[in-house]
Amino acid sequence: MASALTEKLSRLVKELRGQARITEDNVADMLREVRMALLEADVALPVVRDFIARVKEKALGQEVLGSLQPGQLMVSIVNQELAATMGEGVSDINLAAQPPAVILMAGLQGAGKTTTTAKLAKHLIEKRKKKVLTVSADVYRPAAIEQLKTVTGQAGAQWFESTPDQKPVDLGLAALDYAKKHFFDVLLVDTAGRLAIDDVLMAEIKDLHATLKPVETLFVVDAMQGQDAINTAKAFKDALPLTGIILTKTDGDSRGGAALSVRQITGAPIKFAGTSEKLDGLEVFDAQRHAGRILGMGDIVALVEQVTAGVNVEAAQKLAAKVKSGAGFDLNDFLGQIQQMKQMGGLSSLMDKLPAAMAAKAGQVDMDKAEKDIRRKEGIIHSMTPLERRKPDLIKATRKRRIAAGSGVQVQEVNRMLKEFEQMQGMMKKMSGGGMMKMMKRMGGMKGMPKMPF
């Protein structure tokens, strides 16, 4: 995310941390670099000016000049002001209304509004335990209506049927009436998008807003749009009383300017960020943590949350019990471990949350190649019979050729995968019985490792 900006700012952070003294000259040099990095990242000029002025005021204060670690303190100031530019902490979605709470989704066509509507539905169902209904008021694009129907079903919400011959306001009122009668907690209204801002679009969405009186009006904006995102944000701010922003496609954003600009331009808090195309790829936006990512400090909290959410605790406990009993680790278990990685969002998603220095080292490995390798292993195992998965020792030359042909790989790939499986199987054997305890004790005796309490 925001890779170009992160690269430049993390380099500056490294240089600043080594400064024994902070003077007006090196503050000026540092701010010039920061200013150029922000402008190149498509951050709006007024936002850049305001940010630089705030950092300069604090940087030249006695607090920094008299500090024993001025470089560290400067990094802290830049981090705080980045977070302040994007908002303070977390701004939660407001559902304090007589059910159903109506949420209006606004934005241009192509910003990912329909998919984001389904992502938000999934979030509200899983995290807030709400009963959610969606409706498409985009009567100009039948494909958009069908898309919302599909992704709503995948998210586990209910879809209110709409057809292109209906008027958006009539659709909204019918959906609201249905939601009331069937005791829905939330009604998500996906409005029509255009390829550009026009008077018809704005008049229509104003009318819909006035009729439905939503508790939340969320502006969905593509983080990759750069300056266009800022112009769009201004237009929607003038037309609607926006209550929040959802940034989409942040995983593909090489510049990152939108995240730093839209908060200040609209005055509305950023509430969510889309982190992948998957329906669970929606994160509650935390300005402090996002600022840390931009500065190359990573987001270890989000990394832990992502891993925790992706781990199937019940499956992990079953595997641990199986290994401990001496029943062995077979290819079905190996496949389960591969699928756990996929559920965590893949390697690239996890890498995005690592601090820059760690990510740079890990980045020497081609992430796309690594993820393809994971999918290849999965394909190889799927080409095996249930018996072969349970008893890998049966897999000899003839079976290997059949498995390779079935998964579209060379026999060498099958051999490599089986070798990796055997290595993991060997490790699991060591952990069976008291092996895990012995391993932990050995780790406790290693230099720099804390002693284990047993």
Protein backbone atom coordinates (compact mmCIF):
# COMPACT_ATOMS: atom_id res chain seq x y z
CA MET A 1 0.00 0.00 0.00
CA ALA A 2 1.29 3.47 -0.96
CA SER A 3 4.61 1.79 -1.79
CA ALA A 4 6.34 4.82 -3.36
CA LEU A 5 5.42 7.11 -0.46
CA THR A 6 6.32 4.46 2.12
CA GLU A 7 9.70 3.86 0.48
CA LYS A 8 10.63 7.56 0.61
CA LEU A 9 9.28 8.29 4.06
CA SER A 10 10.74 5.15 5.64
CA ARG A 11 14.17 6.17 4.27
CA LEU A 12 13.71 9.61 5.86
CA VAL A 13 12.63 7.99 9.13
CA LYS A 14 15.83 5.93 9.13
CA GLU A 15 17.95 9.05 8.53
CA LEU A 16 16.11 11.05 11.18
CA ARG A 17 16.52 8.40 13.84
CA GLY A 18 20.28 8.71 13.48
CA GLN A 19 20.29 12.48 14.03
CA ALA A 20 22.00 13.46 17.26
CA ARG A 21 20.98 17.10 16.83
CA ILE A 22 18.01 18.70 15.17
CA THR A 23 18.62 22.17 13.70
CA GLU A 24 16.56 24.52 11.55
CA ASP A 25 18.69 23.50 8.55
CA ASN A 26 18.17 19.76 8.78
CA VAL A 27 14.46 20.26 9.62
CA ALA A 28 14.13 22.36 6.47
CA ASP A 29 15.91 19.68 4.40
CA MET A 30 13.75 16.94 5.86
CA LEU A 31 10.51 18.87 5.27
CA ARG A 32 11.50 19.59 1.67
CA GLU A 33 11.90 15.84 1.12
CA VAL A 34 8.59 15.08 2.83
CA ARG A 35 6.82 17.78 0.78
CA MET A 36 8.12 16.31 -2.51
CA ALA A 37 7.20 12.77 -1.43
CA LEU A 38 3.63 13.84 -0.58
CA LEU A 39 3.12 15.80 -3.81
CA GLU A 40 4.44 12.88 -5.88
CA ALA A 41 1.96 10.65 -4.02
CA ASP A 42 -0.88 12.88 -5.32
CA VAL A 43 -1.68 14.43 -1.96
CA ALA A 44 -3.65 17.66 -2.48
CA LEU A 45 -1.48 20.80 -2.25
CA PRO A 46 -3.54 22.48 0.54
CA VAL A 47 -3.23 19.28 2.61
CA VAL A 48 0.55 19.17 2.05
CA ARG A 49 0.96 22.84 3.06
CA ASP A 50 -1.07 22.35 6.24
CA PHE A 51 0.80 19.16 7.16
CA ILE A 52 4.26 20.71 6.62
CA ALA A 53 3.32 23.80 8.65
CA ARG A 54 2.15 21.69 11.61
CA VAL A 55 5.27 19.49 11.58
CA LYS A 56 7.58 22.51 11.27
CA GLU A 57 5.93 24.28 14.21
CA LYS A 58 6.39 21.26 16.48
CA ALA A 59 9.83 20.31 15.10
CA LEU A 60 11.33 23.69 15.90
CA GLY A 61 9.84 23.77 19.39
CA GLN A 62 11.97 23.44 22.50
CA GLU A 63 10.59 19.94 23.06
CA VAL A 64 12.59 18.60 20.10
CA LEU A 65 15.60 20.91 20.24
CA GLY A 66 16.21 20.02 23.88
CA SER A 67 15.47 16.32 23.55
CA LEU A 68 18.09 13.65 24.25
CA GLN A 69 16.80 11.71 21.21
CA PRO A 70 15.70 14.43 18.76
CA GLY A 71 15.65 12.09 15.75
CA GLN A 72 13.24 9.68 17.43
CA LEU A 73 11.05 12.57 18.55
CA MET A 74 10.91 13.96 15.00
CA VAL A 75 9.72 10.59 13.70
CA SER A 76 7.03 10.61 16.38
CA ILE A 77 5.89 14.10 15.30
CA VAL A 78 5.66 13.11 11.62
CA ASN A 79 3.75 9.97 12.62
CA GLN A 80 1.30 11.94 14.82
CA GLU A 81 0.64 14.57 12.16
CA LEU A 82 0.11 11.95 9.44
CA ALA A 83 -2.47 10.29 11.68
CA ALA A 84 -4.09 13.68 12.46
CA THR A 85 -4.36 14.40 8.70
CA MET A 86 -6.32 11.19 8.15
CA GLY A 87 -8.41 11.50 11.34
CA GLU A 88 -7.99 10.61 14.97
CA GLY A 89 -8.01 6.91 15.80
CA VAL A 90 -11.03 4.88 14.74
CA SER A 91 -14.38 6.32 13.66
CA ASP A 92 -17.01 3.66 14.12
CA ILE A 93 -20.05 3.25 11.91
CA ASN A 94 -23.20 4.75 13.44
CA LEU A 95 -26.18 2.40 13.80
CA ALA A 96 -27.91 4.41 16.55
CA ALA A 97 -31.29 4.67 14.86
CA GLN A 98 -34.70 3.07 14.98
CA PRO A 99 -34.21 -0.13 12.93
CA PRO A 100 -33.62 -0.41 10.12
CA ALA A 101 -30.61 1.94 10.12
CA VAL A 102 -30.32 3.15 6.51
CA ILE A 103 -26.81 3.43 5.03
CA LEU A 104 -26.49 5.18 1.66
CA MET A 105 -23.48 4.21 -0.48
CA ALA A 106 -22.35 7.01 -2.83
CA GLY A 107 -19.53 7.27 -5.35
CA LEU A 108 -18.53 7.12 -9.00
CA GLN A 109 -18.84 4.06 -11.22
CA GLY A 110 -15.70 1.93 -11.01
CA ALA A 111 -14.86 2.86 -7.41
CA GLY A 112 -15.93 -0.60 -6.21
CA LYS A 113 -19.17 0.62 -4.62
CA THR A 114 -21.25 -2.52 -5.23
CA THR A 115 -18.58 -4.93 -3.96
CA THR A 116 -17.95 -2.62 -0.99
CA THR A 117 -21.68 -2.72 -0.17
CA ALA A 118 -21.46 -6.51 0.12
CA LYS A 119 -18.21 -6.26 2.13
CA LEU A 120 -19.89 -3.88 4.56
CA ALA A 121 -22.88 -6.23 4.81
CA LYS A 122 -20.53 -9.10 5.69
CA HIS A 123 -18.75 -6.93 8.27
CA LEU A 124 -22.03 -5.91 9.93
CA ILE A 125 -23.25 -9.52 10.01
CA GLU A 126 -20.05 -11.02 11.41
CA LYS A 127 -18.72 -8.22 13.61
CA ARG A 128 -21.90 -6.45 14.71
CA LYS A 129 -24.32 -9.42 14.53
CA LYS A 130 -26.85 -7.48 12.45
CA LYS A 131 -29.55 -8.67 10.06
CA VAL A 132 -28.78 -6.89 6.78
CA LEU A 133 -30.83 -6.14 3.64
CA THR A 134 -29.30 -4.66 0.47
CA VAL A 135 -30.99 -2.91 -2.45
CA SER A 136 -29.60 -1.57 -5.72
CA ALA A 137 -30.89 1.85 -6.79
CA ASP A 138 -28.69 1.71 -9.91
CA VAL A 139 -31.53 1.27 -12.41
CA TYR A 140 -29.34 2.31 -15.33
CA ARG A 141 -27.12 -0.75 -15.24
CA PRO A 142 -28.94 -4.11 -15.03
CA ALA A 143 -25.52 -5.75 -14.58
CA ALA A 144 -25.00 -3.74 -11.37
CA ILE A 145 -28.29 -5.07 -9.97
CA GLU A 146 -27.27 -8.65 -10.76
CA GLN A 147 -23.80 -8.07 -9.32
CA LEU A 148 -25.26 -6.84 -6.02
CA LYS A 149 -27.59 -9.85 -5.91
CA THR A 150 -24.62 -12.22 -6.34
CA VAL A 151 -22.23 -10.60 -3.85
CA THR A 152 -25.00 -10.06 -1.29
CA GLY A 153 -25.68 -13.80 -1.31
CA GLN A 154 -21.96 -14.51 -0.89
CA ALA A 155 -21.83 -12.10 2.06
CA GLY A 156 -24.71 -13.86 3.81
CA ALA A 157 -27.11 -10.90 3.61
CA GLN A 158 -30.54 -10.66 1.94
CA TRP A 159 -31.13 -8.86 -1.37
CA PHE A 160 -34.22 -6.81 -2.17
CA GLU A 161 -35.31 -7.39 -5.74
CA SER A 162 -35.15 -4.42 -8.10
CA THR A 163 -35.63 -3.98 -11.86
CA PRO A 164 -34.35 -1.34 -14.32
CA ASP A 165 -37.89 0.02 -15.00
CA GLN A 166 -38.30 1.26 -11.40
CA LYS A 167 -37.41 4.72 -10.05
CA PRO A 168 -34.60 4.89 -7.45
CA VAL A 169 -36.76 6.71 -4.86
CA ASP A 170 -39.62 4.20 -5.25
CA LEU A 171 -37.14 1.34 -4.91
CA GLY A 172 -35.64 2.85 -1.78
CA LEU A 173 -39.04 3.31 -0.13
CA ALA A 174 -40.18 -0.22 -1.05
CA ALA A 175 -36.95 -1.70 0.38
CA LEU A 176 -37.30 0.38 3.55
CA ASP A 177 -40.89 -0.80 4.02
CA TYR A 178 -39.82 -4.44 3.50
CA ALA A 179 -36.94 -4.02 5.95
CA LYS A 180 -39.30 -2.66 8.63
CA LYS A 181 -41.85 -5.43 8.16
CA HIS A 182 -39.21 -8.18 8.28
CA PHE A 183 -37.25 -6.76 11.23
CA PHE A 184 -33.95 -5.99 9.50
CA ASP A 185 -31.38 -4.06 11.53
CA VAL A 186 -29.66 -2.39 8.57
CA LEU A 187 -30.65 -1.42 5.00
CA LEU A 188 -27.70 -0.82 2.64
CA VAL A 189 -28.63 1.24 -0.43
CA ASP A 190 -26.23 0.94 -3.39
CA THR A 191 -26.79 4.10 -5.47
CA ALA A 192 -26.13 4.65 -9.17
CA GLY A 193 -22.63 5.61 -10.22
CA ARG A 194 -21.49 7.49 -13.31
CA LEU A 195 -18.19 7.60 -15.13
CA ALA A 196 -18.03 11.29 -14.22
CA ILE A 197 -19.90 13.72 -11.98
CA ASP A 198 -23.05 15.12 -13.60
CA ASP A 199 -26.08 17.14 -12.52
CA VAL A 200 -28.53 14.26 -13.07
CA LEU A 201 -26.56 11.95 -10.76
CA MET A 202 -26.31 14.58 -8.02
CA ALA A 203 -30.00 15.55 -8.25
CA GLU A 204 -31.03 11.89 -8.05
CA ILE A 205 -28.84 11.05 -5.05
CA LYS A 206 -29.95 14.22 -3.21
CA ASP A 207 -33.58 13.18 -3.74
CA LEU A 208 -32.85 9.66 -2.49
CA HIS A 209 -31.06 11.04 0.58
CA ALA A 210 -33.92 13.42 1.41
CA THR A 211 -36.48 10.59 1.10
CA LEU A 212 -34.65 7.84 3.03
CA LYS A 213 -32.95 10.06 5.65
CA PRO A 214 -29.97 7.69 6.10
CA VAL A 215 -28.12 7.51 9.41
CA GLU A 216 -24.87 7.10 7.42
CA THR A 217 -23.98 8.49 3.98
CA LEU A 218 -20.72 6.83 2.99
CA PHE A 219 -18.58 8.10 0.12
CA VAL A 220 -16.81 5.22 -1.64
CA VAL A 221 -13.63 6.37 -3.36
CA ASP A 222 -10.90 4.56 -5.29
CA ALA A 223 -7.55 5.12 -3.54
CA MET A 224 -5.78 4.81 -6.90
CA GLN A 225 -7.52 7.84 -8.41
CA GLY A 226 -5.07 10.39 -6.97
CA GLN A 227 -6.12 13.99 -7.73
CA ASP A 228 -9.36 12.77 -9.35
CA ALA A 229 -10.39 11.33 -5.98
CA ILE A 230 -10.03 14.79 -4.44
CA ASN A 231 -12.18 16.47 -7.13
CA THR A 232 -14.85 13.77 -6.76
CA ALA A 233 -14.77 14.14 -2.98
CA LYS A 234 -15.38 17.90 -3.26
CA ALA A 235 -18.38 17.38 -5.57
CA PHE A 236 -20.03 14.80 -3.32
CA LYS A 237 -19.32 16.88 -0.21
CA ASP A 238 -21.17 19.83 -1.80
CA ALA A 239 -24.13 17.62 -2.75
CA LEU A 240 -24.52 15.43 0.35
CA PRO A 241 -23.91 15.62 4.11
CA LEU A 242 -21.26 12.86 4.06
CA THR A 243 -20.79 11.03 7.36
CA GLY A 244 -17.88 8.81 6.36
CA ILE A 245 -15.51 7.59 3.67
CA ILE A 246 -14.58 4.11 2.48
CA LEU A 247 -11.26 3.88 0.61
CA THR A 248 -11.20 1.02 -1.89
CA LYS A 249 -8.31 -0.72 -3.69
CA THR A 250 -5.75 0.35 -1.09
CA ASP A 251 -3.88 -2.90 -1.81
CA GLY A 252 -3.10 -1.66 -5.32
CA ASP A 253 -2.33 1.94 -4.42
CA SER A 254 1.25 2.82 -5.38
CA ARG A 255 0.91 6.49 -4.41
CA GLY A 256 -1.37 6.74 -1.39
CA GLY A 257 -2.41 10.38 -1.78
CA ALA A 258 -6.15 9.77 -1.52
CA ALA A 259 -5.95 8.51 2.07
CA LEU A 260 -4.14 11.67 3.13
CA SER A 261 -6.41 14.06 1.20
CA VAL A 262 -10.07 12.99 1.34
CA ARG A 263 -10.39 13.34 5.12
CA GLN A 264 -9.33 16.99 5.04
CA ILE A 265 -11.17 17.85 1.80
CA THR A 266 -14.54 16.41 2.91
CA GLY A 267 -14.31 16.82 6.68
CA ALA A 268 -15.76 13.29 6.94
CA PRO A 269 -13.81 10.54 8.73
CA ILE A 270 -12.39 7.55 6.87
CA LYS A 271 -14.31 4.61 8.35
CA PHE A 272 -13.14 1.62 6.28
CA ALA A 273 -10.40 0.63 3.85
CA GLY A 274 -10.75 -2.08 1.20
CA THR A 275 -7.64 -4.25 1.38
CA SER A 276 -8.37 -6.95 -1.21
CA GLU A 277 -10.99 -8.07 -3.73
CA LYS A 278 -12.29 -10.73 -1.34
CA LEU A 279 -15.50 -10.05 0.59
CA ASP A 280 -13.61 -10.15 3.89
CA GLY A 281 -11.10 -7.61 2.54
CA LEU A 282 -12.53 -4.65 4.46
CA GLU A 283 -10.73 -3.21 7.49
CA VAL A 284 -11.97 -0.71 10.04
CA PHE A 285 -9.74 2.30 9.34
CA ASP A 286 -7.35 3.29 12.12
CA ALA A 287 -5.51 6.53 11.28
CA GLN A 288 -2.69 5.88 13.75
CA ARG A 289 -1.98 2.41 12.41
CA HIS A 290 -2.31 3.54 8.79
CA ALA A 291 0.22 6.34 9.45
CA GLY A 292 2.62 3.71 10.81
CA ARG A 293 2.25 1.70 7.60
CA ILE A 294 2.96 4.76 5.42
CA LEU A 295 6.11 5.51 7.43
CA GLY A 296 7.30 1.94 6.94
CA MET A 297 6.70 0.96 10.57
CA GLY A 298 4.21 -1.72 9.56
CA ASP A 299 0.99 -2.61 11.32
CA ILE A 300 1.70 -5.55 13.59
CA VAL A 301 -1.71 -5.22 15.30
CA ALA A 302 -3.52 -5.65 11.96
CA LEU A 303 -1.17 -8.53 11.09
CA VAL A 304 -2.05 -10.36 14.32
CA GLU A 305 -5.77 -9.67 13.74
CA GLN A 306 -5.56 -11.01 10.19
CA VAL A 307 -3.72 -14.16 11.22
CA THR A 308 -6.05 -14.74 14.17
CA ALA A 309 -9.15 -14.30 11.99
CA GLY A 310 -7.76 -16.67 9.36
CA VAL A 311 -6.79 -19.47 11.73
CA ASN A 312 -9.35 -22.20 12.24
CA VAL A 313 -8.79 -22.84 15.95
CA GLU A 314 -10.89 -26.02 16.00
CA ALA A 315 -8.95 -27.50 13.05
CA ALA A 316 -5.63 -26.54 14.67
CA GLN A 317 -6.63 -28.24 17.94
CA LYS A 318 -7.71 -31.39 16.08
CA LEU A 319 -4.38 -31.50 14.23
CA ALA A 320 -2.45 -31.02 17.48
CA ALA A 321 -4.40 -33.85 19.14
CA LYS A 322 -3.87 -36.09 16.11
CA VAL A 323 -0.10 -35.47 16.05
CA LYS A 324 0.18 -35.94 19.81
CA SER A 325 -1.63 -39.29 19.61
CA GLY A 326 0.96 -40.54 17.13
CA ALA A 327 -1.62 -40.95 14.33
CA GLY A 328 0.74 -39.15 11.96
CA PHE A 329 0.65 -36.14 9.70
CA ASP A 330 -0.69 -36.94 6.21
CA LEU A 331 -1.21 -35.00 2.98
CA ASN A 332 -4.75 -34.01 4.00
CA ASP A 333 -3.20 -32.22 7.00
CA PHE A 334 -0.55 -30.66 4.75
CA LEU A 335 -3.33 -29.39 2.44
CA GLY A 336 -5.13 -27.96 5.47
CA GLN A 337 -2.03 -25.94 6.38
CA ILE A 338 -1.82 -24.55 2.83
CA GLN A 339 -5.49 -23.56 2.91
CA GLN A 340 -4.99 -21.81 6.26
CA MET A 341 -2.44 -19.54 4.57
CA LYS A 342 -4.94 -18.71 1.81
CA GLN A 343 -7.62 -17.86 4.39
CA MET A 344 -5.24 -15.37 6.00
CA GLY A 345 -5.30 -13.36 2.79
CA GLY A 346 -2.16 -14.72 1.17
CA LEU A 347 1.49 -13.81 1.52
CA SER A 348 1.31 -10.37 -0.12
CA SER A 349 -1.49 -9.25 2.21
CA LEU A 350 0.53 -10.33 5.26
CA MET A 351 3.67 -8.67 3.86
CA ASP A 352 1.86 -5.33 3.55
CA LYS A 353 1.57 -5.17 7.35
CA LEU A 354 5.23 -5.89 8.10
CA PRO A 355 7.62 -3.04 8.99
CA ALA A 356 9.51 -1.81 5.90
CA ALA A 357 12.88 -3.29 6.91
CA MET A 358 11.40 -6.75 7.45
CA ALA A 359 9.26 -6.49 4.32
CA ALA A 360 12.32 -5.49 2.27
CA LYS A 361 14.14 -8.66 3.36
CA ALA A 362 11.12 -10.84 2.73
CA GLY A 363 10.51 -8.93 -0.49
CA GLN A 364 13.67 -10.44 -1.97
CA VAL A 365 11.46 -13.47 -2.48
CA ASP A 366 9.01 -12.94 -5.34
CA MET A 367 5.61 -12.90 -3.58
CA ASP A 368 3.66 -13.64 -6.76
CA LYS A 369 5.90 -16.63 -7.42
CA ALA A 370 5.48 -17.83 -3.82
CA GLU A 371 1.68 -17.59 -4.01
CA LYS A 372 1.66 -19.45 -7.34
CA ASP A 373 3.78 -22.14 -5.70
CA ILE A 374 1.18 -22.48 -2.92
CA ARG A 375 -1.61 -22.86 -5.50
CA ARG A 376 0.50 -25.41 -7.41
CA LYS A 377 0.95 -27.54 -4.27
CA GLU A 378 -2.79 -27.38 -3.66
CA GLY A 379 -3.44 -28.56 -7.24
CA ILE A 380 -1.02 -31.46 -6.88
CA ILE A 381 -2.69 -32.72 -3.70
CA HIS A 382 -6.16 -32.35 -5.25
CA SER A 383 -4.99 -34.64 -8.08
CA MET A 384 -4.32 -37.46 -5.61
CA THR A 385 -6.80 -40.12 -4.53
CA PRO A 386 -8.08 -40.09 -0.92
CA LEU A 387 -5.97 -43.21 -0.25
CA GLU A 388 -2.80 -41.54 -1.57
CA ARG A 389 -3.39 -38.53 0.66
CA ARG A 390 -3.77 -40.75 3.71
CA LYS A 391 -0.82 -43.00 2.75
CA PRO A 392 1.81 -40.95 0.88
CA ASP A 393 4.21 -43.92 0.92
CA LEU A 394 2.08 -45.46 -1.86
CA ILE A 395 3.06 -42.68 -4.27
CA LYS A 396 5.71 -44.23 -6.54
CA ALA A 397 6.80 -43.44 -10.11
CA THR A 398 3.58 -44.45 -11.96
CA ARG A 399 1.33 -42.60 -9.51
CA LYS A 400 3.61 -39.55 -9.64
CA ARG A 401 3.27 -39.38 -13.44
CA ARG A 402 -0.54 -39.59 -13.16
CA ILE A 403 -0.65 -36.90 -10.43
CA ALA A 404 1.66 -34.61 -12.45
CA ALA A 405 -0.52 -34.98 -15.55
CA GLY A 406 -3.69 -34.36 -13.54
CA SER A 407 -2.35 -31.16 -11.98
CA GLY A 408 -0.60 -29.87 -15.11
CA VAL A 409 2.94 -29.91 -13.69
CA GLN A 410 6.18 -31.81 -14.21
CA VAL A 411 7.01 -34.91 -12.11
CA GLN A 412 9.86 -32.90 -10.53
CA GLU A 413 7.25 -30.56 -9.02
CA VAL A 414 5.44 -33.53 -7.46
CA ASN A 415 8.76 -34.79 -6.04
CA ARG A 416 9.57 -31.34 -4.63
CA MET A 417 6.16 -31.05 -2.97
CA LEU A 418 6.49 -34.55 -1.46
CA LYS A 419 9.94 -33.67 -0.12
CA GLU A 420 8.56 -30.54 1.57
CA PHE A 421 5.73 -32.63 3.00
CA GLU A 422 8.23 -35.17 4.39
CA GLN A 423 10.20 -32.36 6.05
CA MET A 424 7.06 -31.05 7.74
CA GLN A 425 6.02 -34.59 8.64
CA GLY A 426 9.41 -35.11 10.30
CA MET A 427 8.99 -31.91 12.27
CA MET A 428 5.52 -33.00 13.38
CA LYS A 429 6.87 -36.37 14.55
CA LYS A 430 9.36 -34.55 16.78
CA MET A 431 6.46 -32.62 18.27
CA SER A 432 4.37 -35.70 19.06
CA GLY A 433 4.27 -36.84 22.68
CA GLY A 434 6.71 -34.75 24.69
CA GLY A 435 8.55 -33.49 21.62
CA MET A 436 6.94 -30.08 21.70
CA MET A 437 7.94 -29.62 25.34
CA LYS A 438 11.54 -30.63 24.58
CA MET A 439 11.69 -28.25 21.66
CA MET A 440 10.44 -25.36 23.80
CA LYS A 441 13.02 -26.20 26.48
CA ARG A 442 15.77 -26.19 23.87
CA MET A 443 14.56 -22.81 22.63
CA GLY A 444 14.66 -21.56 26.20
CA GLY A 445 18.33 -22.46 26.36
CA MET A 446 19.18 -20.57 23.19
CA LYS A 447 21.02 -17.27 23.46
CA GLY A 448 18.65 -14.33 23.72
CA MET A 449 15.57 -16.51 24.28
CA PRO A 450 13.66 -16.36 27.59
CA LYS A 451 13.71 -19.49 29.74
CA MET A 452 10.46 -21.44 29.63
CA PRO A 453 8.62 -21.89 32.97
CA PHE A 454 8.93 -25.71 33.11
